[in-house]
Amino acid sequence: MSEVNDLQQRNTRILRKLVFGAVCMFGFAFAMVPIYNVLCEVTGLNGKTNSSAASSANLELDEDRMITVQFVTRSGQGMAWDFFPEVRSVRVHPGEITQVNFKVKNPTDKQIVGQAIPSVTPGLAATHLLKTQCFCFDNQTLAGGGEADMPMIFYLDPALPKHITTITLSYTLFDVTERVTVNDNTLAVR
């Protein structure tokens, strides 16, 4: 009898530990996005840029420095669009407002919604690359066979560390059509 009770007690303890572990994993997974966003905002990791500061900054042009900003694009797995920058790089002074256009073409016969995710290298430069307008702020919708120009307007904060002379801004474009609720009021076909 005592062996059966002992076995039941051990099984109960193991079950409690498993349930506790599952609850902790769920809680951690639920908290990952807000934790990641705060971490990226504070440290500039993973190329998340500070777009909120871009609209309110006082611009001071630093004509003594030129920074090369390179643009790299790629389409994520399952994204059918052709996606590329009009120019591969620009040379700008910190504080100089610059517009670069990106082109997309949907070679399919169906409407697709895309979302571009930016990344900046080196990571230290991410908080100094300030966008005032970017196609990456919103989902982009393109009809089958459609083409579009997508502008991105940015400037570099003059406080960019002096040792940084080249910045690479890369975008990965993902198909988010199935994640977006499609109705005539929310999707504008280009």
Protein backbone atom coordinates (compact mmCIF):
# COMPACT_ATOMS: atom_id res chain seq x y z
CA MET A 1 0.00 0.00 0.00
CA SER A 2 2.69 2.42 0.96
CA GLU A 3 4.49 1.86 -2.35
CA VAL A 4 1.32 2.81 -4.26
CA ASN A 5 0.85 5.99 -2.16
CA ASP A 6 4.51 6.88 -2.61
CA LEU A 7 4.22 6.41 -6.38
CA GLN A 8 1.06 8.56 -6.48
CA GLN A 9 2.79 11.32 -4.51
CA ARG A 10 5.79 11.31 -6.88
CA ASN A 11 3.49 11.38 -9.92
CA THR A 12 1.55 14.29 -8.41
CA ARG A 13 4.79 16.24 -7.79
CA ILE A 14 5.98 15.60 -11.34
CA LEU A 15 2.61 16.67 -12.74
CA ARG A 16 2.71 19.91 -10.70
CA LYS A 17 6.22 20.65 -11.95
CA LEU A 18 5.19 20.02 -15.55
CA VAL A 19 2.12 22.26 -15.24
CA PHE A 20 4.22 24.98 -13.58
CA GLY A 21 6.82 24.72 -16.36
CA ALA A 22 4.16 24.97 -19.07
CA VAL A 23 2.60 28.07 -17.42
CA CYS A 24 6.06 29.70 -17.15
CA MET A 25 6.84 28.97 -20.82
CA PHE A 26 3.50 30.42 -21.92
CA GLY A 27 4.06 33.55 -19.82
CA PHE A 28 7.58 33.99 -21.19
CA ALA A 29 6.40 33.58 -24.80
CA PHE A 30 3.58 36.09 -24.18
CA ALA A 31 6.04 38.65 -22.77
CA MET A 32 8.70 38.23 -25.49
CA VAL A 33 7.42 40.86 -27.94
CA PRO A 34 7.14 43.73 -25.44
CA ILE A 35 10.48 42.79 -23.88
CA TYR A 36 12.12 42.63 -27.32
CA ASN A 37 10.68 46.03 -28.34
CA VAL A 38 11.92 47.69 -25.15
CA LEU A 39 15.35 46.09 -25.48
CA CYS A 40 15.66 47.20 -29.12
CA GLU A 41 14.50 50.73 -28.31
CA VAL A 42 16.99 51.09 -25.47
CA THR A 43 20.00 49.47 -27.15
CA GLY A 44 19.34 49.86 -30.88
CA LEU A 45 19.86 46.13 -31.34
CA ASN A 46 18.60 44.35 -34.47
CA GLY A 47 18.44 47.55 -36.46
CA LYS A 48 15.18 48.89 -35.12
CA THR A 49 15.28 52.58 -35.85
CA ASN A 50 13.92 55.41 -33.76
CA SER A 51 11.24 56.81 -36.06
CA SER A 52 9.44 58.82 -33.35
CA ALA A 53 12.42 61.12 -32.85
CA ALA A 54 12.70 61.73 -36.58
CA SER A 55 9.70 64.02 -36.82
CA SER A 56 10.59 66.27 -33.89
CA ALA A 57 14.34 66.69 -34.23
CA ASN A 58 16.11 69.98 -34.83
CA LEU A 59 18.32 69.40 -37.89
CA GLU A 60 21.92 70.50 -37.83
CA LEU A 61 23.78 69.74 -41.04
CA ASP A 62 27.31 68.41 -40.50
CA GLU A 63 29.00 69.37 -43.77
CA ASP A 64 32.39 68.13 -42.57
CA ARG A 65 31.37 64.47 -42.83
CA MET A 66 30.01 62.21 -45.56
CA ILE A 67 28.41 58.88 -44.69
CA THR A 68 27.69 56.14 -47.22
CA VAL A 69 24.27 54.56 -46.71
CA GLN A 70 23.87 51.26 -48.57
CA PHE A 71 20.53 49.62 -49.33
CA VAL A 72 20.01 45.86 -49.44
CA THR A 73 16.68 44.21 -50.18
CA ARG A 74 15.41 40.68 -50.19
CA SER A 75 12.08 38.91 -50.25
CA GLY A 76 11.25 36.54 -47.43
CA GLN A 77 10.29 32.95 -48.06
CA GLY A 78 6.99 32.76 -49.93
CA MET A 79 6.99 36.43 -51.05
CA ALA A 80 6.57 36.62 -54.80
CA TRP A 81 7.29 40.33 -55.29
CA ASP A 82 10.33 41.69 -57.08
CA PHE A 83 11.79 44.22 -54.63
CA PHE A 84 14.80 46.50 -55.08
CA PRO A 85 16.10 50.03 -54.37
CA GLU A 86 16.42 52.55 -57.22
CA VAL A 87 19.99 53.17 -56.05
CA ARG A 88 22.27 50.79 -54.15
CA SER A 89 23.83 53.55 -52.01
CA VAL A 90 23.87 57.27 -51.34
CA ARG A 91 26.44 59.57 -49.74
CA VAL A 92 24.91 62.02 -47.28
CA HIS A 93 25.95 64.56 -44.69
CA PRO A 94 24.59 63.89 -41.19
CA GLY A 95 21.47 66.04 -40.80
CA GLU A 96 20.73 66.05 -44.55
CA ILE A 97 17.22 64.91 -45.45
CA THR A 98 17.36 62.30 -48.20
CA GLN A 99 14.71 60.39 -50.15
CA VAL A 100 15.33 56.98 -51.67
CA ASN A 101 12.71 55.09 -53.67
CA PHE A 102 12.25 51.35 -53.64
CA LYS A 103 10.45 49.52 -56.43
CA VAL A 104 8.12 46.57 -56.13
CA LYS A 105 6.41 44.47 -58.74
CA ASN A 106 3.83 41.76 -58.15
CA PRO A 107 4.33 39.21 -60.97
CA THR A 108 1.40 37.08 -59.78
CA ASP A 109 -2.25 37.48 -60.74
CA LYS A 110 -3.45 37.90 -57.15
CA GLN A 111 -3.45 40.78 -54.70
CA ILE A 112 -0.69 40.49 -52.09
CA VAL A 113 -0.10 42.44 -48.89
CA GLY A 114 3.56 42.91 -47.97
CA GLN A 115 5.35 44.15 -44.87
CA ALA A 116 8.99 45.25 -44.92
CA ILE A 117 11.15 44.70 -41.85
CA PRO A 118 14.26 46.92 -41.59
CA SER A 119 17.63 46.14 -40.10
CA VAL A 120 20.60 48.48 -39.71
CA THR A 121 24.29 47.59 -39.58
CA PRO A 122 26.28 48.47 -37.56
CA GLY A 123 23.75 48.20 -34.74
CA LEU A 124 25.15 51.31 -33.06
CA ALA A 125 23.99 53.36 -36.08
CA ALA A 126 20.37 52.19 -35.79
CA THR A 127 19.38 54.86 -33.27
CA HIS A 128 20.99 57.54 -35.46
CA LEU A 129 19.14 56.60 -38.67
CA LEU A 130 15.90 58.55 -38.40
CA LYS A 131 13.07 57.97 -40.87
CA THR A 132 10.41 60.60 -41.40
CA GLN A 133 8.54 58.51 -43.97
CA CYS A 134 8.91 54.84 -44.82
CA PHE A 135 6.97 52.14 -46.59
CA CYS A 136 8.05 49.90 -43.70
CA PHE A 137 5.75 51.80 -41.30
CA ASP A 138 2.65 50.17 -42.85
CA ASN A 139 1.57 47.13 -44.81
CA GLN A 140 1.77 47.60 -48.58
CA THR A 141 -0.92 46.21 -50.88
CA LEU A 142 -0.27 45.48 -54.54
CA ALA A 143 -2.70 44.08 -57.10
CA GLY A 144 -1.68 41.19 -59.32
CA GLY A 145 0.62 42.47 -62.08
CA GLY A 146 0.94 45.81 -60.28
CA GLU A 147 4.03 47.91 -59.71
CA ALA A 148 4.74 50.69 -57.23
CA ASP A 149 7.39 53.11 -56.04
CA MET A 150 7.79 53.12 -52.28
CA PRO A 151 9.59 56.15 -50.84
CA MET A 152 11.71 56.26 -47.74
CA ILE A 153 12.80 59.64 -46.36
CA PHE A 154 15.53 59.70 -43.73
CA TYR A 155 18.38 61.60 -42.20
CA LEU A 156 21.30 60.71 -40.00
CA ASP A 157 21.55 62.26 -36.56
CA PRO A 158 24.69 64.44 -36.46
CA ALA A 159 25.51 62.70 -33.14
CA LEU A 160 26.36 59.57 -35.16
CA PRO A 161 29.75 58.37 -33.84
CA LYS A 162 32.61 59.71 -35.96
CA HIS A 163 34.11 56.26 -36.62
CA ILE A 164 31.00 55.15 -38.52
CA THR A 165 31.43 55.98 -42.20
CA THR A 166 29.20 53.35 -43.79
CA ILE A 167 25.72 52.21 -42.78
CA THR A 168 23.80 49.35 -44.38
CA LEU A 169 20.02 49.52 -44.27
CA SER A 170 18.49 46.21 -45.28
CA TYR A 171 14.85 45.36 -45.76
CA THR A 172 13.26 41.94 -45.86
CA LEU A 173 9.80 41.91 -47.44
CA PHE A 174 7.29 39.37 -46.15
CA ASP A 175 3.91 38.24 -47.51
CA VAL A 176 1.37 39.03 -44.76
CA THR A 177 -1.75 38.66 -46.90
CA GLU A 178 -3.23 35.89 -44.79
CA ARG A 179 -2.64 37.84 -41.57
CA VAL A 180 -4.51 40.90 -42.77
CA THR A 181 -8.28 41.04 -42.67
CA VAL A 182 -9.23 41.75 -46.25
CA ASN A 183 -12.16 44.10 -46.73
CA ASP A 184 -12.79 46.90 -49.18
CA ASN A 185 -12.37 49.60 -46.53
CA THR A 186 -8.89 48.67 -45.30
CA LEU A 187 -6.98 47.60 -48.40
CA ALA A 188 -6.25 50.05 -51.17
CA VAL A 189 -5.15 48.39 -54.39
CA ARG A 190 -2.41 50.24 -56.22
